[in-house]
Structures are given as C-alpha cells and as structure tokens.
Protein backbone atom coordinates (compact mmCIF):
# COMPACT_ATOMS: atom_id res chain seq x y z
CA UNK A 1 -0.01 -0.39 -0.29
CA UNK A 2 1.52 3.74 -1.01
CA UNK A 3 2.39 5.94 1.92
CA UNK A 4 -0.30 8.08 0.97
CA UNK A 5 -3.41 5.24 2.03
CA UNK A 6 -4.74 6.65 5.39
CA UNK A 7 -7.47 7.90 7.68
CA UNK A 8 -7.92 11.25 5.44
CA UNK A 9 -7.05 9.49 1.75
CA UNK A 10 -8.87 6.39 2.13
CA UNK A 11 -12.06 7.87 0.12
CA UNK A 12 -9.58 8.19 -2.92
CA UNK A 13 -8.94 4.19 -2.74
CA UNK A 14 -12.59 3.20 -3.23
CA UNK A 15 -13.59 0.89 -6.16
CA UNK A 16 -9.45 -0.68 -5.87
CA UNK A 17 -8.36 -3.63 -5.10
CA UNK A 18 -5.91 -3.04 -2.06
CA UNK A 19 -4.53 -6.05 -2.49
CA UNK A 20 -4.38 -10.29 -2.46
CA UNK A 21 -2.61 -12.03 0.45
CA UNK A 22 -0.31 -14.72 0.30
CA UNK A 23 -1.72 -18.45 -0.22
CA UNK A 24 -2.08 -19.99 3.50
CA UNK A 25 -3.25 -23.82 4.10
CA UNK A 26 -6.34 -24.94 5.52
CA UNK A 27 -4.99 -27.80 7.82
CA UNK A 28 -7.00 -30.48 9.54
CA UNK A 29 -5.41 -29.05 12.50
CA UNK A 30 -7.39 -25.95 12.99
CA UNK A 31 -10.23 -27.49 11.20
CA UNK A 32 -10.69 -29.71 14.18
CA UNK A 33 -9.48 -26.65 16.79
CA UNK A 34 -11.68 -24.95 14.89
CA UNK A 35 -14.94 -27.65 15.91
CA UNK A 36 -13.65 -27.58 20.06
CA UNK A 37 -13.62 -24.05 20.25
CA UNK A 38 -17.51 -23.89 18.55
CA UNK A 39 -19.01 -27.16 19.88
CA UNK A 40 -19.43 -27.71 15.76
CA UNK A 41 -18.26 -31.32 15.16
CA UNK A 42 -20.14 -32.27 12.15
CA UNK A 43 -18.46 -35.33 10.73
CA UNK A 44 -18.29 -33.29 7.59
CA UNK A 45 -15.28 -31.53 9.13
CA UNK A 46 -13.96 -33.87 11.71
CA UNK A 47 -13.83 -37.87 10.68
CA UNK A 48 -11.15 -38.05 8.27
CA UNK A 49 -11.97 -41.86 7.13
CA UNK A 50 -15.72 -41.41 7.67
CA UNK A 51 -15.24 -38.40 4.57
CA UNK A 52 -12.95 -40.53 2.59
CA UNK A 53 -15.75 -42.82 2.65
CA UNK A 54 -19.11 -41.41 2.39
CA UNK A 55 -18.21 -37.39 1.40
CA UNK A 56 -19.42 -36.22 -1.61
CA UNK A 57 -15.63 -34.57 -1.11
CA UNK A 58 -13.83 -36.77 -0.74
CA UNK A 59 -12.28 -35.59 2.30
CA UNK A 60 -13.19 -33.58 5.75
CA UNK A 61 -14.16 -30.00 4.49
CA UNK A 62 -13.30 -26.71 6.77
CA UNK A 63 -16.68 -24.65 8.21
CA UNK A 64 -17.81 -22.23 6.74
CA UNK A 65 -17.32 -19.94 9.92
CA UNK A 66 -14.41 -20.99 10.00
CA UNK A 67 -13.10 -20.08 6.19
CA UNK A 68 -15.37 -16.06 7.41
CA UNK A 69 -12.81 -16.06 10.27
CA UNK A 70 -9.19 -16.01 8.61
CA UNK A 71 -11.37 -12.83 6.59
CA UNK A 72 -10.07 -10.28 9.38
CA UNK A 73 -6.27 -11.66 10.02
CA UNK A 74 -5.77 -11.76 6.56
CA UNK A 75 -6.97 -8.53 6.00
CA UNK A 76 -4.19 -7.45 9.01
CA UNK A 77 -1.32 -9.19 7.01
CA UNK A 78 -2.17 -7.69 4.14
CA UNK A 79 -2.31 -4.16 5.55
CA UNK A 80 -6.56 -3.47 5.08
CA UNK A 81 -5.16 -0.36 8.15
CA UNK A 82 -4.58 2.84 6.38
CA UNK A 83 -2.63 5.14 8.56
CA UNK A 84 -3.93 7.24 11.08
CA UNK A 85 -5.96 4.93 12.47
CA UNK A 86 -5.70 4.27 16.04
CA UNK A 87 -8.22 1.71 16.28
CA UNK A 88 -10.99 -0.70 13.64
CA UNK A 89 -13.89 -2.13 15.15
CA UNK A 90 -16.28 -4.39 13.44
CA UNK A 91 -18.94 -3.31 12.16
CA UNK A 92 -21.23 -6.02 10.60
CA UNK A 93 -20.35 -8.41 7.48
CA UNK A 94 -23.82 -8.91 4.71
CA UNK A 95 -24.01 -10.72 1.53
CA UNK A 96 -22.12 -13.32 2.74
CA UNK A 97 -22.04 -16.44 0.25
CA UNK A 98 -20.29 -19.77 0.65
CA UNK A 99 -20.39 -21.29 -2.76
CA UNK A 100 -17.74 -23.71 -2.79
CA UNK A 101 -15.79 -26.11 -0.50
CA UNK A 102 -12.27 -25.78 0.95
CA UNK A 103 -11.03 -29.59 1.49
CA UNK A 104 -8.59 -30.09 4.45
CA UNK A 105 -4.89 -29.05 3.67
CA UNK A 106 -6.22 -26.83 0.26
CA UNK A 107 -5.44 -23.37 0.71
CA UNK A 108 -6.99 -20.02 0.41
CA UNK A 109 -5.91 -16.46 -0.41
CA UNK A 110 -7.95 -13.28 0.13
CA UNK A 111 -8.54 -10.56 -2.85
CA UNK A 112 -10.06 -7.43 -1.23
CA UNK A 113 -11.47 -3.90 -2.69
CA UNK A 114 -12.52 -0.95 -0.96
CA UNK A 115 -16.07 -0.67 -1.61
CA UNK A 116 -17.42 2.23 -0.03
CA UNK A 117 -15.77 5.28 2.90
CA UNK A 118 -18.68 6.92 5.09
CA UNK A 119 -17.53 9.65 7.39
CA UNK A 120 -18.68 9.10 10.69
CA UNK A 121 -18.04 12.69 12.37
CA UNK A 122 -14.35 14.19 13.25
CA UNK A 123 -12.99 10.99 14.29
CA UNK A 124 -14.14 8.17 12.68
CA UNK A 125 -14.92 7.03 8.80
CA UNK A 126 -16.81 3.30 8.41
CA UNK A 127 -14.68 1.91 6.07
CA UNK A 128 -16.68 -1.59 3.63
CA UNK A 129 -14.43 -4.11 1.89
CA UNK A 130 -15.44 -6.22 -1.01
CA UNK A 131 -13.75 -9.75 -0.13
CA UNK A 132 -13.67 -12.63 -2.10
CA UNK A 133 -11.36 -16.08 -0.60
CA UNK A 134 -10.43 -17.71 -3.62
CA UNK A 135 -9.06 -21.54 -3.02
CA UNK A 136 -5.88 -22.81 -4.95
CA UNK A 137 -6.51 -24.85 -8.51
CA UNK A 138 -10.53 -23.86 -8.79
CA UNK A 139 -12.19 -21.35 -10.32
CA UNK A 140 -15.31 -20.98 -7.92
CA UNK A 141 -13.99 -19.02 -4.09
CA UNK A 142 -14.63 -20.38 -1.42
CA UNK A 143 -16.68 -17.78 -0.09
CA UNK A 144 -17.34 -13.73 -0.97
CA UNK A 145 -19.02 -11.43 1.40
CA UNK A 146 -18.74 -7.80 2.69
CA UNK A 147 -17.46 -6.28 5.61
CA UNK A 148 -17.57 -3.45 7.56
CA UNK A 149 -14.63 -1.44 10.31
CA UNK A 150 -15.67 1.75 12.00
CA UNK A 151 -11.98 3.31 11.74
CA UNK A 152 -10.85 5.59 14.92
CA UNK A 153 -8.07 8.44 14.84
C-alpha cells in the first residue's frame, strides 16, 4: 500500500483492489481446533475416515464460519488499515455467500476491494470492503462477503 493510503485519503481508494494475500493452507488441525472451540463437530469436518468413504467431497471440509473467521486476520496481514487509525472495530458482515468447499489441506487467499467509505463525524470512518476468499486450483471462490469496520483516529 502506498504512503498516501491514510485515514484522510482512504476515500480515494474506493472501488480499487487493495491487494491479494499469499496462499494459506487450511489444515485438518485447524479445522479440528475450530470444531472443538465452537462445538461444531459434524463428521464432514472432523471424521477423516468417514469422509473418505461417504463424503461427496472425498475428505473433510472446513467449516464455513472457520473460513469467514480467517478474513479479518488476512486483511490485517495485507495491510488493509490505513495509516492514522488508532483502532478498528468490526461493524458487521453482509452478502455472505459460501460458494465452494475447502478441503483439509487446500490453500486459500484473500482478494480485497475497498467498496465504500463513509465519514461518521470528525474522528471516525465506516469502511466497507468486498472480500473474495479464493481456493487454489479452483475457479469458484470459497466465499464472498462484505465486511464493515469502524476506523477511529
């Protein structure tokens, strides 16, 4: 991101692609940890042997909400926050669509476009991004979603 990408100039970047992350593997261990943390231990996520035999996907798949939870940290690694921001608070999600399963061991990357910026007073801005979580080797993304964050000076 260029040096001029700041809280004062972020509106200049609306409709522009902010960037694309590196590929990140979604390992079975991560899926298992998410299942334990949330209590969602459905066999299509955690039973490797049963998935090989019965799943139409041929193996365990990541939870949709696990994939959704990857977006914010991937955005941070991408450098989404403009300079001059003291803190950012999640303000919501919209238009979430799970489009393609991610099998354990597959890799994903995030493509982010700045959708809108709306001033909310002198010290804050509502920023909305359009996010596409791509799956390596697949034409269809794992998911698409808009994310809103309130940015504070």
